[in-house]
N, C-alpha and C. Protein backbone atom coordinates (compact mmCIF):
# COMPACT_ATOMS: atom_id res chain seq x y z
N MET A 1 0.86 -1.17 0.00
CA MET A 1 0.00 0.00 0.00
C MET A 1 0.90 1.23 0.00
N LYS A 2 0.62 2.12 -0.89
CA LYS A 2 1.41 3.35 -1.01
C LYS A 2 0.62 4.51 -0.40
N PHE A 3 1.28 5.28 0.43
CA PHE A 3 0.66 6.43 1.08
C PHE A 3 1.29 7.67 0.51
N SER A 4 0.46 8.60 0.08
CA SER A 4 1.01 9.84 -0.45
C SER A 4 0.32 11.03 0.18
N VAL A 5 1.07 12.10 0.30
CA VAL A 5 0.56 13.35 0.88
C VAL A 5 0.73 14.44 -0.16
N SER A 6 -0.31 15.18 -0.37
CA SER A 6 -0.24 16.31 -1.29
C SER A 6 0.14 17.54 -0.49
N TYR A 7 1.39 17.97 -0.62
CA TYR A 7 1.85 19.13 0.13
C TYR A 7 1.21 20.43 -0.34
N SER A 8 0.70 20.44 -1.54
CA SER A 8 0.07 21.65 -2.04
C SER A 8 -1.21 21.98 -1.30
N THR A 9 -1.81 20.98 -0.64
CA THR A 9 -3.05 21.23 0.10
C THR A 9 -2.78 21.55 1.56
N MET A 10 -1.56 21.37 1.99
CA MET A 10 -1.22 21.66 3.39
C MET A 10 -0.85 23.13 3.51
N GLU A 11 -1.46 23.79 4.46
CA GLU A 11 -1.20 25.21 4.65
C GLU A 11 -0.02 25.41 5.60
N GLN A 12 0.95 26.17 5.17
CA GLN A 12 2.11 26.47 6.00
C GLN A 12 1.77 27.67 6.88
N THR A 13 2.02 27.56 8.17
CA THR A 13 1.78 28.68 9.08
C THR A 13 2.94 29.66 9.00
N LEU A 14 2.70 30.87 9.46
CA LEU A 14 3.79 31.85 9.56
C LEU A 14 4.85 31.34 10.53
N PHE A 15 4.41 30.64 11.56
CA PHE A 15 5.33 30.05 12.53
C PHE A 15 6.33 29.13 11.80
N ASP A 16 5.82 28.26 10.94
CA ASP A 16 6.69 27.35 10.19
C ASP A 16 7.51 28.10 9.14
N LYS A 17 6.88 29.03 8.46
CA LYS A 17 7.54 29.78 7.39
C LYS A 17 8.81 30.48 7.87
N TYR A 18 8.77 30.99 9.10
CA TYR A 18 9.91 31.77 9.60
C TYR A 18 10.84 30.99 10.51
N GLY A 19 10.65 29.69 10.62
CA GLY A 19 11.65 28.89 11.32
C GLY A 19 11.29 28.44 12.72
N GLY A 20 10.05 28.63 13.13
CA GLY A 20 9.60 28.08 14.40
C GLY A 20 10.16 28.75 15.64
N VAL A 21 10.33 27.96 16.67
CA VAL A 21 10.70 28.47 17.99
C VAL A 21 12.00 29.28 17.98
N PRO A 22 13.05 28.85 17.30
CA PRO A 22 14.28 29.66 17.33
C PRO A 22 14.06 31.10 16.85
N THR A 23 13.34 31.26 15.76
CA THR A 23 13.10 32.61 15.24
C THR A 23 12.16 33.39 16.14
N VAL A 24 11.11 32.75 16.61
CA VAL A 24 10.17 33.44 17.49
C VAL A 24 10.88 33.89 18.77
N THR A 25 11.78 33.08 19.28
CA THR A 25 12.53 33.44 20.49
C THR A 25 13.38 34.68 20.24
N VAL A 26 14.04 34.75 19.10
CA VAL A 26 14.84 35.94 18.75
C VAL A 26 13.93 37.17 18.68
N ILE A 27 12.78 37.03 18.05
CA ILE A 27 11.83 38.14 17.92
C ILE A 27 11.38 38.62 19.29
N VAL A 28 11.00 37.69 20.16
CA VAL A 28 10.49 38.06 21.49
C VAL A 28 11.58 38.70 22.33
N ARG A 29 12.78 38.17 22.30
CA ARG A 29 13.88 38.78 23.09
C ARG A 29 14.16 40.20 22.59
N ASP A 30 14.19 40.39 21.28
CA ASP A 30 14.39 41.73 20.71
C ASP A 30 13.25 42.66 21.13
N PHE A 31 12.04 42.15 21.08
CA PHE A 31 10.86 42.93 21.47
C PHE A 31 10.99 43.42 22.92
N TYR A 32 11.34 42.54 23.83
CA TYR A 32 11.44 42.96 25.23
C TYR A 32 12.62 43.90 25.48
N LYS A 33 13.68 43.78 24.72
CA LYS A 33 14.77 44.77 24.82
C LYS A 33 14.24 46.15 24.47
N ARG A 34 13.42 46.22 23.43
CA ARG A 34 12.83 47.49 23.01
C ARG A 34 11.85 48.01 24.07
N VAL A 35 11.03 47.12 24.59
CA VAL A 35 10.04 47.51 25.61
C VAL A 35 10.73 48.05 26.86
N MET A 36 11.77 47.37 27.31
CA MET A 36 12.41 47.75 28.57
C MET A 36 13.21 49.05 28.45
N LYS A 37 13.43 49.53 27.25
CA LYS A 37 14.08 50.83 27.05
C LYS A 37 13.10 51.98 27.20
N ARG A 38 11.82 51.66 27.32
CA ARG A 38 10.77 52.68 27.43
C ARG A 38 10.23 52.71 28.85
N PRO A 39 10.59 53.75 29.63
CA PRO A 39 10.13 53.80 31.03
C PRO A 39 8.61 53.68 31.19
N ASN A 40 7.86 54.25 30.25
CA ASN A 40 6.41 54.18 30.35
C ASN A 40 5.88 52.76 30.12
N LEU A 41 6.66 51.90 29.50
CA LEU A 41 6.28 50.50 29.33
C LEU A 41 6.95 49.60 30.38
N ARG A 42 8.19 49.92 30.71
CA ARG A 42 8.95 49.12 31.67
C ARG A 42 8.22 49.01 33.01
N ARG A 43 7.48 50.03 33.37
CA ARG A 43 6.78 50.05 34.67
C ARG A 43 5.77 48.93 34.80
N TYR A 44 5.24 48.44 33.70
CA TYR A 44 4.27 47.35 33.75
C TYR A 44 4.92 46.02 34.15
N PHE A 45 6.25 45.98 34.13
CA PHE A 45 6.96 44.73 34.38
C PHE A 45 7.73 44.71 35.69
N ASP A 46 7.49 45.69 36.57
CA ASP A 46 8.14 45.71 37.87
C ASP A 46 7.85 44.40 38.61
N GLY A 47 8.90 43.77 39.09
CA GLY A 47 8.75 42.54 39.85
C GLY A 47 8.45 41.30 39.01
N THR A 48 8.56 41.41 37.70
CA THR A 48 8.27 40.30 36.81
C THR A 48 9.53 39.50 36.52
N ASP A 49 9.43 38.20 36.58
CA ASP A 49 10.51 37.32 36.15
C ASP A 49 10.53 37.37 34.63
N MET A 50 11.43 38.16 34.08
CA MET A 50 11.42 38.42 32.64
C MET A 50 11.74 37.17 31.82
N GLU A 51 12.61 36.32 32.32
CA GLU A 51 12.92 35.11 31.56
C GLU A 51 11.68 34.22 31.45
N HIS A 52 10.95 34.10 32.53
CA HIS A 52 9.70 33.33 32.51
C HIS A 52 8.71 33.97 31.54
N LEU A 53 8.60 35.29 31.61
CA LEU A 53 7.68 36.01 30.72
C LEU A 53 8.08 35.83 29.25
N ILE A 54 9.36 35.90 28.97
CA ILE A 54 9.83 35.73 27.59
C ILE A 54 9.45 34.35 27.06
N MET A 55 9.66 33.31 27.86
CA MET A 55 9.30 31.96 27.41
C MET A 55 7.79 31.83 27.19
N HIS A 56 7.03 32.46 28.06
CA HIS A 56 5.57 32.46 27.92
C HIS A 56 5.17 33.22 26.66
N GLN A 57 5.82 34.34 26.42
CA GLN A 57 5.49 35.17 25.25
C GLN A 57 5.89 34.49 23.95
N VAL A 58 6.94 33.68 23.98
CA VAL A 58 7.32 32.91 22.79
C VAL A 58 6.14 32.02 22.39
N ALA A 59 5.51 31.38 23.38
CA ALA A 59 4.35 30.52 23.09
C ALA A 59 3.20 31.34 22.53
N PHE A 60 2.99 32.54 23.09
CA PHE A 60 1.90 33.40 22.61
C PHE A 60 2.16 33.88 21.17
N VAL A 61 3.36 34.36 20.90
CA VAL A 61 3.67 34.85 19.56
C VAL A 61 3.61 33.69 18.56
N ALA A 62 4.06 32.53 18.97
CA ALA A 62 3.95 31.35 18.10
C ALA A 62 2.49 31.10 17.73
N MET A 63 1.60 31.24 18.69
CA MET A 63 0.17 31.07 18.42
C MET A 63 -0.31 32.15 17.46
N ALA A 64 0.13 33.39 17.67
CA ALA A 64 -0.27 34.49 16.79
C ALA A 64 0.24 34.27 15.37
N MET A 65 1.28 33.44 15.25
CA MET A 65 1.85 33.13 13.94
C MET A 65 1.29 31.82 13.37
N GLY A 66 0.25 31.28 14.01
CA GLY A 66 -0.43 30.14 13.44
C GLY A 66 -0.20 28.79 14.09
N LYS A 67 0.65 28.75 15.11
CA LYS A 67 0.85 27.48 15.81
C LYS A 67 -0.45 27.12 16.53
N THR A 68 -0.70 25.86 16.72
CA THR A 68 -1.94 25.39 17.33
C THR A 68 -2.18 26.05 18.68
N PRO A 69 -3.35 26.69 18.85
CA PRO A 69 -3.64 27.37 20.13
C PRO A 69 -3.57 26.45 21.35
N ALA A 70 -3.78 25.17 21.16
CA ALA A 70 -3.72 24.23 22.28
C ALA A 70 -2.34 24.23 22.93
N GLU A 71 -1.34 24.70 22.21
CA GLU A 71 0.01 24.71 22.76
C GLU A 71 0.31 25.97 23.57
N TYR A 72 -0.65 26.89 23.60
CA TYR A 72 -0.53 28.09 24.43
C TYR A 72 -1.35 27.88 25.68
N ALA A 73 -0.69 27.83 26.81
CA ALA A 73 -1.38 27.49 28.05
C ALA A 73 -1.44 28.69 28.99
N GLY A 74 -1.65 29.86 28.45
CA GLY A 74 -1.70 31.06 29.27
C GLY A 74 -3.10 31.38 29.74
N ARG A 75 -3.17 32.31 30.68
CA ARG A 75 -4.48 32.79 31.14
C ARG A 75 -5.13 33.59 30.03
N ASN A 76 -6.44 33.83 30.17
CA ASN A 76 -7.07 34.68 29.16
C ASN A 76 -6.53 36.10 29.34
N MET A 77 -6.66 36.90 28.30
CA MET A 77 -6.05 38.23 28.29
C MET A 77 -6.58 39.14 29.39
N SER A 78 -7.86 39.09 29.66
CA SER A 78 -8.43 39.95 30.71
C SER A 78 -7.83 39.62 32.07
N ASP A 79 -7.73 38.34 32.39
CA ASP A 79 -7.16 37.93 33.68
C ASP A 79 -5.67 38.26 33.76
N ALA A 80 -4.95 38.00 32.68
CA ALA A 80 -3.50 38.22 32.68
C ALA A 80 -3.13 39.68 32.82
N HIS A 81 -3.99 40.59 32.35
CA HIS A 81 -3.66 42.01 32.38
C HIS A 81 -4.51 42.81 33.35
N GLY A 82 -5.36 42.12 34.07
CA GLY A 82 -6.23 42.79 35.04
C GLY A 82 -5.43 43.54 36.09
N GLY A 83 -5.87 44.73 36.40
CA GLY A 83 -5.22 45.53 37.44
C GLY A 83 -3.98 46.27 37.00
N LEU A 84 -3.50 46.04 35.79
CA LEU A 84 -2.30 46.73 35.32
C LEU A 84 -2.60 48.12 34.79
N ASN A 85 -3.87 48.39 34.52
CA ASN A 85 -4.29 49.68 34.00
C ASN A 85 -3.49 50.10 32.76
N ILE A 86 -3.37 49.19 31.84
CA ILE A 86 -2.65 49.45 30.60
C ILE A 86 -3.46 50.44 29.76
N THR A 87 -2.80 51.47 29.31
CA THR A 87 -3.47 52.49 28.50
C THR A 87 -3.48 52.09 27.02
N ALA A 88 -4.37 52.69 26.27
CA ALA A 88 -4.42 52.45 24.83
C ALA A 88 -3.11 52.90 24.18
N THR A 89 -2.55 53.99 24.68
CA THR A 89 -1.28 54.49 24.14
C THR A 89 -0.16 53.48 24.37
N SER A 90 -0.11 52.91 25.57
CA SER A 90 0.92 51.89 25.86
C SER A 90 0.71 50.65 25.00
N PHE A 91 -0.52 50.24 24.84
CA PHE A 91 -0.81 49.08 23.99
C PHE A 91 -0.34 49.34 22.56
N ASP A 92 -0.68 50.50 22.03
CA ASP A 92 -0.31 50.83 20.65
C ASP A 92 1.20 50.90 20.48
N LEU A 93 1.90 51.48 21.46
CA LEU A 93 3.36 51.54 21.39
C LEU A 93 3.95 50.13 21.44
N THR A 94 3.40 49.29 22.27
CA THR A 94 3.87 47.91 22.38
C THR A 94 3.69 47.19 21.04
N ALA A 95 2.56 47.39 20.40
CA ALA A 95 2.32 46.77 19.09
C ALA A 95 3.33 47.29 18.06
N GLU A 96 3.65 48.57 18.13
CA GLU A 96 4.65 49.13 17.20
C GLU A 96 6.03 48.56 17.46
N LEU A 97 6.37 48.35 18.72
CA LEU A 97 7.67 47.75 19.04
C LEU A 97 7.72 46.30 18.56
N LEU A 98 6.60 45.59 18.65
CA LEU A 98 6.56 44.24 18.11
C LEU A 98 6.73 44.29 16.59
N ARG A 99 6.09 45.24 15.96
CA ARG A 99 6.24 45.42 14.51
C ARG A 99 7.72 45.65 14.17
N ASP A 100 8.39 46.49 14.95
CA ASP A 100 9.81 46.77 14.72
C ASP A 100 10.66 45.50 14.87
N SER A 101 10.34 44.69 15.87
CA SER A 101 11.08 43.43 16.07
C SER A 101 10.83 42.45 14.93
N LEU A 102 9.62 42.40 14.45
CA LEU A 102 9.31 41.54 13.31
C LEU A 102 10.04 42.01 12.05
N LEU A 103 10.09 43.32 11.84
CA LEU A 103 10.84 43.87 10.70
C LEU A 103 12.32 43.53 10.81
N ALA A 104 12.87 43.67 12.01
CA ALA A 104 14.28 43.36 12.24
C ALA A 104 14.59 41.88 11.94
N ALA A 105 13.59 41.03 12.14
CA ALA A 105 13.75 39.60 11.88
C ALA A 105 13.45 39.25 10.42
N LYS A 106 13.22 40.28 9.61
CA LYS A 106 12.97 40.12 8.18
C LYS A 106 11.68 39.38 7.85
N VAL A 107 10.68 39.57 8.72
CA VAL A 107 9.36 39.05 8.44
C VAL A 107 8.75 39.95 7.36
N GLU A 108 8.10 39.36 6.38
CA GLU A 108 7.53 40.11 5.27
C GLU A 108 6.41 41.04 5.75
N PRO A 109 6.29 42.22 5.15
CA PRO A 109 5.28 43.20 5.58
C PRO A 109 3.85 42.66 5.66
N ALA A 110 3.42 41.88 4.69
CA ALA A 110 2.05 41.34 4.75
C ALA A 110 1.88 40.39 5.92
N ASP A 111 2.93 39.64 6.24
CA ASP A 111 2.88 38.72 7.37
C ASP A 111 2.89 39.49 8.69
N ILE A 112 3.65 40.58 8.74
CA ILE A 112 3.65 41.44 9.93
C ILE A 112 2.25 41.99 10.15
N ASP A 113 1.63 42.45 9.09
CA ASP A 113 0.27 42.98 9.22
C ASP A 113 -0.68 41.93 9.80
N ALA A 114 -0.56 40.68 9.36
CA ALA A 114 -1.43 39.62 9.86
C ALA A 114 -1.17 39.35 11.34
N ILE A 115 0.08 39.36 11.75
CA ILE A 115 0.43 39.12 13.16
C ILE A 115 -0.07 40.28 14.02
N ILE A 116 0.16 41.50 13.59
CA ILE A 116 -0.28 42.68 14.35
C ILE A 116 -1.80 42.73 14.41
N ALA A 117 -2.48 42.31 13.37
CA ALA A 117 -3.95 42.27 13.39
C ALA A 117 -4.43 41.31 14.49
N LYS A 118 -3.75 40.17 14.62
CA LYS A 118 -4.09 39.21 15.68
C LYS A 118 -3.88 39.84 17.05
N VAL A 119 -2.77 40.52 17.23
CA VAL A 119 -2.48 41.20 18.50
C VAL A 119 -3.52 42.28 18.76
N ASN A 120 -3.81 43.09 17.76
CA ASN A 120 -4.79 44.18 17.93
C ASN A 120 -6.19 43.66 18.25
N SER A 121 -6.49 42.45 17.84
CA SER A 121 -7.81 41.88 18.14
C SER A 121 -7.99 41.63 19.64
N LEU A 122 -6.91 41.67 20.38
CA LEU A 122 -6.94 41.44 21.84
C LEU A 122 -6.97 42.73 22.64
N LYS A 123 -6.90 43.85 21.96
CA LYS A 123 -6.76 45.15 22.62
C LYS A 123 -7.85 45.39 23.67
N GLN A 124 -9.09 45.12 23.33
CA GLN A 124 -10.19 45.40 24.27
C GLN A 124 -10.07 44.57 25.55
N ASP A 125 -9.41 43.42 25.48
CA ASP A 125 -9.24 42.57 26.66
C ASP A 125 -8.04 42.97 27.50
N ILE A 126 -7.17 43.79 26.95
CA ILE A 126 -5.91 44.15 27.63
C ILE A 126 -5.95 45.57 28.18
N VAL A 127 -6.48 46.49 27.44
CA VAL A 127 -6.46 47.91 27.83
C VAL A 127 -7.43 48.18 28.97
N GLY A 128 -6.91 48.86 29.99
CA GLY A 128 -7.75 49.35 31.10
C GLY A 128 -8.32 48.30 31.99
N ARG A 129 -7.74 47.15 32.02
CA ARG A 129 -8.25 46.05 32.86
C ARG A 129 -7.46 45.94 34.12
């Protein structure tokens, strides 16, 4: 019995397209370097174990890039950001810094737009909670 797979029908995720966990890890580390240079953003991370957060964020960004959501085991956005009083301005700046990190990693503009759209879809659950 011969088994064949038609690769033309399999959809490649952005996660796979850009090299998986190694690339996402570089993007996330670059992103947090940018975030921590901004005092108005750095304040949200006082007392945070940044290495733990980075590993958690790698899983989140991987999901935003198409990896199976079942592999992201984080809290929902409202619970995770509750009480931080994140402003819309801070959220927007954070999204721009992520865009900059994606550009630095040579992610294609259309793919960046898709990733940022996924992030922006969470804005109402993150801002002011």
